[in-house]
Amino acid sequence: MAANITETVATGLQSAGVLEETWSYVLNNYTKWQIATWGSVLVHEIVYFGLCLPGFLCQFVPFVQKYKIQSEKKESFDKQWQCFKVLMFNHFCIQLPLILGTFMFTEYMGIPYDYESMPAWYTTLGRCFCCLVIEDTWHYFLHRGLHDRRIYKHIHKVHHHFQAPFGMVAEYAHPLETMILGTGFFIGALFFCTHIVFLWCWMSVRLLETIDVHSGYDFPLNPLHLIPGYAGARYHDFHHKNFTGNYGSTFIWWDWYFGTDGEYKQFLQRQKETGKDD
């Protein structure tokens, strides 16, 4: 027992040493501007498409099709290619200019880059959860506003082009929507970002969440469902299918409080009574 504990501690220290050496190399070979700018771009692109890849591959695996929520609506190459092209425009013409301001943000807020200031993993998880709550609150009210009939067709209709979403659809949106709803990401960062690495962690958590709820698949034993109040893919898939209700991005709380999950609850009840989807 004692030997196992000692071995675990030694392994942890060794891993910490590798992380410190790696981060020291980054600091010694790149400027803060390069780390904040190109580091953020790399994290965003690698994490986004890395998380989209499993869902993309799922369409070629017959066994997992039983977990597809709208099983009658299959992905097509044309739709996925259209989505990819819009994503490239959004990523490099809309989001990249915003990411270019990361360095100025860290300088103005006095956010450190040194290894000693890097937050512990449990602190990072706690702060990311707080950021999710803030982002979800912003998203609920602004997303609900974008469904107003007077402006829906001009902005948010683009995102609802895909009635049966798949992972890449997460950031398929009108440029104005990208900036409006994306503001929620930065609000949390204003309060809780204590290190440039935390900003990347928060970015990764947010991408994981939004790609999961847009995946179109409801897999059992999804660890994200351990998060209290987590909405999940089936919850958000209903929103895309019916164009109303379930406005929260991560949690069900605001929809429950304002009753905007009423149609979804009725759907679940009908599904329970008939034993199949509507």
C-alpha atoms as a PDB file:
ATOM      1  CA  MET A   1       0.000   0.000   0.000  1.00  0.00           C
ATOM      2  CA  ALA A   2       2.702   2.459   1.027  1.00  0.00           C
ATOM      3  CA  ALA A   3       4.753   1.439  -1.991  1.00  0.00           C
ATOM      4  CA  ASN A   4       1.815   2.145  -4.311  1.00  0.00           C
ATOM      5  CA  ILE A   5       1.284   5.587  -2.772  1.00  0.00           C
ATOM      6  CA  THR A   6       4.985   6.374  -3.108  1.00  0.00           C
ATOM      7  CA  GLU A   7       4.966   5.245  -6.739  1.00  0.00           C
ATOM      8  CA  THR A   8       1.905   7.377  -7.496  1.00  0.00           C
ATOM      9  CA  VAL A   9       3.470  10.453  -5.915  1.00  0.00           C
ATOM     10  CA  ALA A  10       6.720   9.871  -7.809  1.00  0.00           C
ATOM     11  CA  THR A  11       4.820   9.537 -11.094  1.00  0.00           C
ATOM     12  CA  GLY A  12       2.942  12.762 -10.382  1.00  0.00           C
ATOM     13  CA  LEU A  13       6.152  14.617  -9.623  1.00  0.00           C
ATOM     14  CA  GLN A  14       7.732  13.293 -12.788  1.00  0.00           C
ATOM     15  CA  SER A  15       4.754  14.435 -14.858  1.00  0.00           C
ATOM     16  CA  ALA A  16       4.895  17.848 -13.197  1.00  0.00           C
ATOM     17  CA  GLY A  17       8.582  18.035 -14.071  1.00  0.00           C
ATOM     18  CA  VAL A  18       7.877  17.297 -17.734  1.00  0.00           C
ATOM     19  CA  LEU A  19       5.141  19.942 -17.776  1.00  0.00           C
ATOM     20  CA  GLU A  20       7.448  22.504 -16.190  1.00  0.00           C
ATOM     21  CA  GLU A  21      10.227  21.762 -18.681  1.00  0.00           C
ATOM     22  CA  THR A  22       7.824  21.975 -21.603  1.00  0.00           C
ATOM     23  CA  TRP A  23       6.360  25.266 -20.417  1.00  0.00           C
ATOM     24  CA  SER A  24       9.843  26.670 -19.760  1.00  0.00           C
ATOM     25  CA  TYR A  25      10.775  25.823 -23.346  1.00  0.00           C
ATOM     26  CA  VAL A  26       7.692  27.654 -24.606  1.00  0.00           C
ATOM     27  CA  LEU A  27       8.464  30.747 -22.509  1.00  0.00           C
ATOM     28  CA  ASN A  28      12.098  30.783 -23.568  1.00  0.00           C
ATOM     29  CA  ASN A  29      11.444  30.404 -27.277  1.00  0.00           C
ATOM     30  CA  TYR A  30       8.298  32.430 -27.899  1.00  0.00           C
ATOM     31  CA  THR A  31       7.114  35.887 -26.973  1.00  0.00           C
ATOM     32  CA  LYS A  32       3.997  36.472 -24.897  1.00  0.00           C
ATOM     33  CA  TRP A  33       2.259  37.776 -28.001  1.00  0.00           C
ATOM     34  CA  GLN A  34       3.049  34.593 -29.911  1.00  0.00           C
ATOM     35  CA  ILE A  35       1.942  32.387 -27.013  1.00  0.00           C
ATOM     36  CA  ALA A  36      -1.317  34.262 -26.471  1.00  0.00           C
ATOM     37  CA  THR A  37      -2.171  34.618 -30.163  1.00  0.00           C
ATOM     38  CA  TRP A  38      -0.940  31.567 -32.025  1.00  0.00           C
ATOM     39  CA  GLY A  39      -1.194  29.351 -28.977  1.00  0.00           C
ATOM     40  CA  SER A  40      -4.885  30.242 -28.676  1.00  0.00           C
ATOM     41  CA  VAL A  41      -5.451  29.659 -32.396  1.00  0.00           C
ATOM     42  CA  LEU A  42      -3.784  26.244 -32.238  1.00  0.00           C
ATOM     43  CA  VAL A  43      -5.714  25.209 -29.128  1.00  0.00           C
ATOM     44  CA  HIS A  44      -9.008  26.275 -30.696  1.00  0.00           C
ATOM     45  CA  GLU A  45      -8.481  24.515 -34.021  1.00  0.00           C
ATOM     46  CA  ILE A  46      -6.928  21.327 -32.613  1.00  0.00           C
ATOM     47  CA  VAL A  47      -9.522  20.945 -29.866  1.00  0.00           C
ATOM     48  CA  TYR A  48     -12.484  21.854 -32.086  1.00  0.00           C
ATOM     49  CA  PHE A  49     -11.760  19.516 -34.966  1.00  0.00           C
ATOM     50  CA  GLY A  50     -10.259  16.895 -32.671  1.00  0.00           C
ATOM     51  CA  LEU A  51     -13.545  16.733 -30.771  1.00  0.00           C
ATOM     52  CA  CYS A  52     -15.568  16.777 -34.004  1.00  0.00           C
ATOM     53  CA  LEU A  53     -13.635  13.844 -35.471  1.00  0.00           C
ATOM     54  CA  PRO A  54     -15.228  11.040 -33.373  1.00  0.00           C
ATOM     55  CA  GLY A  55     -18.720  12.234 -34.293  1.00  0.00           C
ATOM     56  CA  PHE A  56     -17.731  12.439 -37.960  1.00  0.00           C
ATOM     57  CA  LEU A  57     -16.458   8.857 -37.873  1.00  0.00           C
ATOM     58  CA  CYS A  58     -19.606   7.626 -36.122  1.00  0.00           C
ATOM     59  CA  GLN A  59     -21.627   7.914 -39.329  1.00  0.00           C
ATOM     60  CA  PHE A  60     -19.512   5.127 -40.816  1.00  0.00           C
ATOM     61  CA  VAL A  61     -19.976   2.761 -37.844  1.00  0.00           C
ATOM     62  CA  PRO A  62     -23.305   0.873 -38.012  1.00  0.00           C
ATOM     63  CA  PHE A  63     -23.122  -0.244 -34.373  1.00  0.00           C
ATOM     64  CA  VAL A  64     -23.391   3.285 -32.958  1.00  0.00           C
ATOM     65  CA  GLN A  65     -26.313   4.353 -35.134  1.00  0.00           C
ATOM     66  CA  LYS A  66     -28.706   3.129 -32.441  1.00  0.00           C
ATOM     67  CA  TYR A  67     -27.494   6.073 -30.352  1.00  0.00           C
ATOM     68  CA  LYS A  68     -28.267   8.639 -33.066  1.00  0.00           C
ATOM     69  CA  ILE A  69     -31.117  10.831 -31.854  1.00  0.00           C
ATOM     70  CA  GLN A  70     -32.716  11.634 -35.216  1.00  0.00           C
ATOM     71  CA  SER A  71     -31.834   8.288 -36.766  1.00  0.00           C
ATOM     72  CA  GLU A  72     -33.949   8.886 -39.862  1.00  0.00           C
ATOM     73  CA  LYS A  73     -31.835  11.889 -40.861  1.00  0.00           C
ATOM     74  CA  LYS A  74     -28.375  10.882 -42.033  1.00  0.00           C
ATOM     75  CA  GLU A  75     -25.440  13.206 -42.537  1.00  0.00           C
ATOM     76  CA  SER A  76     -24.461  13.863 -46.143  1.00  0.00           C
ATOM     77  CA  PHE A  77     -21.111  14.863 -47.590  1.00  0.00           C
ATOM     78  CA  ASP A  78     -22.622  17.975 -49.197  1.00  0.00           C
ATOM     79  CA  LYS A  79     -24.035  19.235 -45.889  1.00  0.00           C
ATOM     80  CA  GLN A  80     -20.832  18.518 -44.005  1.00  0.00           C
ATOM     81  CA  TRP A  81     -18.747  20.241 -46.670  1.00  0.00           C
ATOM     82  CA  GLN A  82     -21.044  23.279 -46.572  1.00  0.00           C
ATOM     83  CA  CYS A  83     -20.689  23.363 -42.789  1.00  0.00           C
ATOM     84  CA  PHE A  84     -16.909  23.072 -42.994  1.00  0.00           C
ATOM     85  CA  LYS A  85     -16.610  25.977 -45.453  1.00  0.00           C
ATOM     86  CA  VAL A  86     -18.677  28.278 -43.251  1.00  0.00           C
ATOM     87  CA  LEU A  87     -16.614  27.198 -40.233  1.00  0.00           C
ATOM     88  CA  MET A  88     -13.390  28.132 -41.980  1.00  0.00           C
ATOM     89  CA  PHE A  89     -14.792  31.568 -42.743  1.00  0.00           C
ATOM     90  CA  ASN A  90     -15.977  32.060 -39.177  1.00  0.00           C
ATOM     91  CA  HIS A  91     -12.765  30.748 -37.622  1.00  0.00           C
ATOM     92  CA  PHE A  92     -10.362  32.833 -39.665  1.00  0.00           C
ATOM     93  CA  CYS A  93     -12.394  35.908 -40.620  1.00  0.00           C
ATOM     94  CA  ILE A  94     -14.454  36.402 -37.454  1.00  0.00           C
ATOM     95  CA  GLN A  95     -12.841  34.544 -34.574  1.00  0.00           C
ATOM     96  CA  LEU A  96      -9.186  35.052 -35.507  1.00  0.00           C
ATOM     97  CA  PRO A  97      -9.423  38.874 -35.283  1.00  0.00           C
ATOM     98  CA  LEU A  98     -10.969  38.411 -31.826  1.00  0.00           C
ATOM     99  CA  ILE A  99      -8.208  36.011 -30.797  1.00  0.00           C
ATOM    100  CA  LEU A 100      -5.640  38.604 -31.887  1.00  0.00           C
ATOM    101  CA  GLY A 101      -6.819  40.640 -28.916  1.00  0.00           C
ATOM    102  CA  THR A 102      -5.901  37.887 -26.431  1.00  0.00           C
ATOM    103  CA  PHE A 103      -2.463  39.338 -25.730  1.00  0.00           C
ATOM    104  CA  MET A 104      -3.878  42.789 -25.003  1.00  0.00           C
ATOM    105  CA  PHE A 105      -6.471  41.190 -22.734  1.00  0.00           C
ATOM    106  CA  THR A 106      -3.829  39.334 -20.711  1.00  0.00           C
ATOM    107  CA  GLU A 107      -1.652  42.443 -20.471  1.00  0.00           C
ATOM    108  CA  TYR A 108      -4.511  44.708 -19.391  1.00  0.00           C
ATOM    109  CA  MET A 109      -5.764  42.193 -16.830  1.00  0.00           C
ATOM    110  CA  GLY A 110      -2.261  41.366 -15.605  1.00  0.00           C
ATOM    111  CA  ILE A 111      -2.697  37.662 -16.366  1.00  0.00           C
ATOM    112  CA  PRO A 112       0.575  35.773 -15.777  1.00  0.00           C
ATOM    113  CA  TYR A 113       2.342  33.301 -18.046  1.00  0.00           C
ATOM    114  CA  ASP A 114       4.921  31.848 -15.637  1.00  0.00           C
ATOM    115  CA  TYR A 115       4.829  28.236 -14.504  1.00  0.00           C
ATOM    116  CA  GLU A 116       4.629  29.074 -10.796  1.00  0.00           C
ATOM    117  CA  SER A 117       1.307  30.902 -11.316  1.00  0.00           C
ATOM    118  CA  MET A 118      -0.280  28.042 -13.244  1.00  0.00           C
ATOM    119  CA  PRO A 119      -3.464  27.000 -11.389  1.00  0.00           C
ATOM    120  CA  ALA A 120      -3.973  23.511  -9.966  1.00  0.00           C
ATOM    121  CA  TRP A 121      -6.250  21.167 -11.912  1.00  0.00           C
ATOM    122  CA  TYR A 122      -8.997  21.192  -9.274  1.00  0.00           C
ATOM    123  CA  THR A 123      -8.978  25.006  -9.166  1.00  0.00           C
ATOM    124  CA  THR A 124      -9.169  25.058 -12.939  1.00  0.00           C
ATOM    125  CA  LEU A 125     -12.172  22.697 -12.966  1.00  0.00           C
ATOM    126  CA  GLY A 126     -13.987  24.782 -10.368  1.00  0.00           C
ATOM    127  CA  ARG A 127     -13.389  28.022 -12.220  1.00  0.00           C
ATOM    128  CA  CYS A 128     -14.422  26.440 -15.528  1.00  0.00           C
ATOM    129  CA  PHE A 129     -17.700  25.364 -13.927  1.00  0.00           C
ATOM    130  CA  CYS A 130     -18.308  28.950 -12.790  1.00  0.00           C
ATOM    131  CA  CYS A 131     -17.553  30.146 -16.313  1.00  0.00           C
ATOM    132  CA  LEU A 132     -20.059  27.622 -17.681  1.00  0.00           C
ATOM    133  CA  VAL A 133     -22.750  29.011 -15.383  1.00  0.00           C
ATOM    134  CA  ILE A 134     -22.036  32.582 -16.500  1.00  0.00           C
ATOM    135  CA  GLU A 135     -21.876  31.650 -20.176  1.00  0.00           C
ATOM    136  CA  ASP A 136     -25.083  29.622 -19.916  1.00  0.00           C
ATOM    137  CA  THR A 137     -26.914  32.588 -18.373  1.00  0.00           C
ATOM    138  CA  TRP A 138     -25.730  34.937 -21.125  1.00  0.00           C
ATOM    139  CA  HIS A 139     -26.502  32.348 -23.788  1.00  0.00           C
ATOM    140  CA  TYR A 140     -30.024  31.645 -22.529  1.00  0.00           C
ATOM    141  CA  PHE A 141     -31.256  35.230 -22.673  1.00  0.00           C
ATOM    142  CA  LEU A 142     -29.444  36.245 -25.862  1.00  0.00           C
ATOM    143  CA  HIS A 143     -30.267  32.986 -27.617  1.00  0.00           C
ATOM    144  CA  ARG A 144     -33.913  33.368 -26.676  1.00  0.00           C
ATOM    145  CA  GLY A 145     -33.801  36.921 -27.980  1.00  0.00           C
ATOM    146  CA  LEU A 146     -32.389  35.732 -31.313  1.00  0.00           C
ATOM    147  CA  HIS A 147     -35.519  33.609 -31.720  1.00  0.00           C
ATOM    148  CA  ASP A 148     -37.675  36.717 -31.772  1.00  0.00           C
ATOM    149  CA  ARG A 149     -39.598  36.537 -35.053  1.00  0.00           C
ATOM    150  CA  ARG A 150     -38.465  40.046 -36.005  1.00  0.00           C
ATOM    151  CA  ILE A 151     -34.781  39.146 -36.116  1.00  0.00           C
ATOM    152  CA  TYR A 152     -34.682  35.328 -36.279  1.00  0.00           C
ATOM    153  CA  LYS A 153     -34.593  35.097 -40.070  1.00  0.00           C
ATOM    154  CA  HIS A 154     -31.794  37.654 -40.295  1.00  0.00           C
ATOM    155  CA  ILE A 155     -29.316  36.019 -37.891  1.00  0.00           C
ATOM    156  CA  HIS A 156     -30.112  32.823 -35.986  1.00  0.00           C
ATOM    157  CA  LYS A 157     -31.810  31.068 -38.903  1.00  0.00           C
ATOM    158  CA  VAL A 158     -28.333  30.302 -40.274  1.00  0.00           C
ATOM    159  CA  HIS A 159     -27.516  28.083 -37.300  1.00  0.00           C
ATOM    160  CA  HIS A 160     -30.878  26.300 -37.619  1.00  0.00           C
ATOM    161  CA  HIS A 161     -30.144  25.361 -41.212  1.00  0.00           C
ATOM    162  CA  PHE A 162     -29.267  21.947 -39.783  1.00  0.00           C
ATOM    163  CA  GLN A 163     -32.419  20.548 -38.193  1.00  0.00           C
ATOM    164  CA  ALA A 164     -30.533  17.373 -37.264  1.00  0.00           C
ATOM    165  CA  PRO A 165     -27.210  18.709 -35.925  1.00  0.00           C
ATOM    166  CA  PHE A 166     -23.790  17.060 -35.935  1.00  0.00           C
ATOM    167  CA  GLY A 167     -20.617  18.094 -34.113  1.00  0.00           C
ATOM    168  CA  MET A 168     -19.305  20.660 -36.589  1.00  0.00           C
ATOM    169  CA  VAL A 169     -22.610  22.553 -36.452  1.00  0.00           C
ATOM    170  CA  ALA A 170     -21.607  23.872 -33.008  1.00  0.00           C
ATOM    171  CA  GLU A 171     -19.980  26.984 -34.511  1.00  0.00           C
ATOM    172  CA  TYR A 172     -21.964  27.101 -37.754  1.00  0.00           C
ATOM    173  CA  ALA A 173     -23.604  30.502 -37.376  1.00  0.00           C
ATOM    174  CA  HIS A 174     -24.098  33.986 -38.745  1.00  0.00           C
ATOM    175  CA  PRO A 175     -21.069  36.208 -37.992  1.00  0.00           C
ATOM    176  CA  LEU A 176     -23.216  38.457 -35.787  1.00  0.00           C
ATOM    177  CA  GLU A 177     -24.387  35.450 -33.783  1.00  0.00           C
ATOM    178  CA  THR A 178     -20.794  34.314 -33.375  1.00  0.00           C
ATOM    179  CA  MET A 179     -19.965  37.633 -31.746  1.00  0.00           C
ATOM    180  CA  ILE A 180     -23.224  38.040 -29.781  1.00  0.00           C
ATOM    181  CA  LEU A 181     -23.329  34.595 -28.172  1.00  0.00           C
ATOM    182  CA  GLY A 182     -19.538  34.341 -28.051  1.00  0.00           C
ATOM    183  CA  THR A 183     -19.418  37.305 -25.685  1.00  0.00           C
ATOM    184  CA  GLY A 184     -20.547  34.981 -22.901  1.00  0.00           C
ATOM    185  CA  PHE A 185     -17.235  33.144 -23.140  1.00  0.00           C
ATOM    186  CA  PHE A 186     -15.264  36.291 -22.380  1.00  0.00           C
ATOM    187  CA  ILE A 187     -17.470  37.415 -19.481  1.00  0.00           C
ATOM    188  CA  GLY A 188     -16.478  34.381 -17.454  1.00  0.00           C
ATOM    189  CA  ALA A 189     -12.840  34.872 -18.414  1.00  0.00           C
ATOM    190  CA  LEU A 190     -12.957  38.427 -17.058  1.00  0.00           C
ATOM    191  CA  PHE A 191     -13.812  37.104 -13.597  1.00  0.00           C
ATOM    192  CA  PHE A 192     -11.960  33.819 -13.385  1.00  0.00           C
ATOM    193  CA  CYS A 193      -8.973  33.811 -15.739  1.00  0.00           C
ATOM    194  CA  THR A 194      -5.794  33.685 -13.633  1.00  0.00           C
ATOM    195  CA  HIS A 195      -3.348  32.324 -16.228  1.00  0.00           C
ATOM    196  CA  ILE A 196      -3.058  32.043 -19.996  1.00  0.00           C
ATOM    197  CA  VAL A 197      -3.279  28.258 -19.631  1.00  0.00           C
ATOM    198  CA  PHE A 198      -6.586  28.623 -17.789  1.00  0.00           C
ATOM    199  CA  LEU A 199      -7.940  30.534 -20.783  1.00  0.00           C
ATOM    200  CA  TRP A 200      -7.067  27.559 -22.983  1.00  0.00           C
ATOM    201  CA  CYS A 201      -8.619  25.121 -20.513  1.00  0.00           C
ATOM    202  CA  TRP A 202     -11.823  27.154 -20.401  1.00  0.00           C
ATOM    203  CA  MET A 203     -11.849  27.290 -24.195  1.00  0.00           C
ATOM    204  CA  SER A 204     -11.453  23.510 -24.367  1.00  0.00           C
ATOM    205  CA  VAL A 205     -14.228  22.885 -21.826  1.00  0.00           C
ATOM    206  CA  ARG A 206     -16.620  25.181 -23.686  1.00  0.00           C
ATOM    207  CA  LEU A 207     -15.832  23.516 -27.019  1.00  0.00           C
ATOM    208  CA  LEU A 208     -16.283  20.058 -25.487  1.00  0.00           C
ATOM    209  CA  GLU A 209     -19.693  21.055 -24.157  1.00  0.00           C
ATOM    210  CA  THR A 210     -21.024  22.691 -27.306  1.00  0.00           C
ATOM    211  CA  ILE A 211     -19.788  19.940 -29.631  1.00  0.00           C
ATOM    212  CA  ASP A 212     -21.301  17.311 -27.346  1.00  0.00           C
ATOM    213  CA  VAL A 213     -24.768  18.899 -27.332  1.00  0.00           C
ATOM    214  CA  HIS A 214     -24.640  19.324 -31.123  1.00  0.00           C
ATOM    215  CA  SER A 215     -23.269  15.827 -31.780  1.00  0.00           C
ATOM    216  CA  GLY A 216     -26.621  14.285 -32.671  1.00  0.00           C
ATOM    217  CA  TYR A 217     -25.776  11.220 -30.571  1.00  0.00           C
ATOM    218  CA  ASP A 218     -26.866  10.359 -27.049  1.00  0.00           C
ATOM    219  CA  PHE A 219     -24.299   7.864 -25.820  1.00  0.00           C
ATOM    220  CA  PRO A 220     -24.766   6.028 -22.524  1.00  0.00           C
ATOM    221  CA  LEU A 221     -22.292   6.616 -19.700  1.00  0.00           C
ATOM    222  CA  ASN A 222     -21.401  10.077 -21.006  1.00  0.00           C
ATOM    223  CA  PRO A 223     -19.253  11.547 -18.180  1.00  0.00           C
ATOM    224  CA  LEU A 224     -20.548  15.043 -18.935  1.00  0.00           C
ATOM    225  CA  HIS A 225     -23.917  13.973 -17.531  1.00  0.00           C
ATOM    226  CA  LEU A 226     -22.266  13.838 -14.119  1.00  0.00           C
ATOM    227  CA  ILE A 227     -22.291  17.658 -14.187  1.00  0.00           C
ATOM    228  CA  PRO A 228     -25.289  18.895 -12.138  1.00  0.00           C
ATOM    229  CA  GLY A 229     -28.050  20.195 -14.414  1.00  0.00           C
ATOM    230  CA  TYR A 230     -26.226  19.323 -17.635  1.00  0.00           C
ATOM    231  CA  ALA A 231     -28.551  19.507 -20.656  1.00  0.00           C
ATOM    232  CA  GLY A 232     -26.885  17.135 -23.106  1.00  0.00           C
ATOM    233  CA  ALA A 233     -27.329  16.248 -26.759  1.00  0.00           C
ATOM    234  CA  ARG A 234     -30.924  15.002 -26.596  1.00  0.00           C
ATOM    235  CA  TYR A 235     -32.027  18.224 -24.887  1.00  0.00           C
ATOM    236  CA  HIS A 236     -30.433  20.514 -27.470  1.00  0.00           C
ATOM    237  CA  ASP A 237     -31.299  18.251 -30.389  1.00  0.00           C
ATOM    238  CA  PHE A 238     -34.971  18.884 -29.569  1.00  0.00           C
ATOM    239  CA  HIS A 239     -34.326  22.614 -29.945  1.00  0.00           C
ATOM    240  CA  HIS A 240     -32.886  22.130 -33.428  1.00  0.00           C
ATOM    241  CA  LYS A 241     -35.727  19.830 -34.441  1.00  0.00           C
ATOM    242  CA  ASN A 242     -38.522  22.086 -33.173  1.00  0.00           C
ATOM    243  CA  PHE A 243     -36.936  25.570 -33.345  1.00  0.00           C
ATOM    244  CA  THR A 244     -38.286  26.541 -29.940  1.00  0.00           C
ATOM    245  CA  GLY A 245     -37.616  26.041 -26.238  1.00  0.00           C
ATOM    246  CA  ASN A 246     -34.514  24.593 -24.566  1.00  0.00           C
ATOM    247  CA  TYR A 247     -32.529  27.802 -25.037  1.00  0.00           C
ATOM    248  CA  GLY A 248     -29.781  27.062 -22.494  1.00  0.00           C
ATOM    249  CA  SER A 249     -26.356  26.155 -23.803  1.00  0.00           C
ATOM    250  CA  THR A 250     -25.120  23.926 -20.982  1.00  0.00           C
ATOM    251  CA  PHE A 251     -27.687  23.678 -18.205  1.00  0.00           C
ATOM    252  CA  ILE A 252     -31.447  23.182 -17.922  1.00  0.00           C
ATOM    253  CA  TRP A 253     -31.949  25.637 -15.059  1.00  0.00           C
ATOM    254  CA  TRP A 254     -33.078  28.781 -16.879  1.00  0.00           C
ATOM    255  CA  ASP A 255     -35.423  26.832 -19.153  1.00  0.00           C
ATOM    256  CA  TRP A 256     -36.920  25.184 -16.088  1.00  0.00           C
ATOM    257  CA  TYR A 257     -37.296  28.498 -14.240  1.00  0.00           C
ATOM    258  CA  PHE A 258     -39.014  30.298 -17.147  1.00  0.00           C
ATOM    259  CA  GLY A 259     -40.923  27.248 -18.367  1.00  0.00           C
ATOM    260  CA  THR A 260     -39.333  27.267 -21.824  1.00  0.00           C
ATOM    261  CA  ASP A 261     -38.777  23.518 -21.579  1.00  0.00           C
ATOM    262  CA  GLY A 262     -42.532  22.816 -21.561  1.00  0.00           C
ATOM    263  CA  GLU A 263     -42.734  21.390 -25.089  1.00  0.00           C
ATOM    264  CA  TYR A 264     -39.704  19.209 -24.412  1.00  0.00           C
ATOM    265  CA  LYS A 265     -41.314  17.769 -21.286  1.00  0.00           C
ATOM    266  CA  GLN A 266     -44.483  17.047 -23.277  1.00  0.00           C
ATOM    267  CA  PHE A 267     -42.369  15.339 -25.917  1.00  0.00           C
ATOM    268  CA  LEU A 268     -40.691  13.163 -23.284  1.00  0.00           C
ATOM    269  CA  GLN A 269     -44.081  12.261 -21.847  1.00  0.00           C
ATOM    270  CA  ARG A 270     -45.451  11.258 -25.267  1.00  0.00           C
ATOM    271  CA  GLN A 271     -42.298   9.293 -25.924  1.00  0.00           C
ATOM    272  CA  LYS A 272     -42.712   7.474 -22.625  1.00  0.00           C
ATOM    273  CA  GLU A 273     -46.343   6.649 -23.370  1.00  0.00           C
ATOM    274  CA  THR A 274     -45.792   5.458 -26.951  1.00  0.00           C
ATOM    275  CA  GLY A 275     -42.361   3.961 -26.436  1.00  0.00           C
ATOM    276  CA  LYS A 276     -40.900   5.744 -29.472  1.00  0.00           C
ATOM    277  CA  ASP A 277     -39.820   9.178 -30.746  1.00  0.00           C
ATOM    278  CA  ASP A 278     -42.369  11.573 -32.210  1.00  0.00           C
END
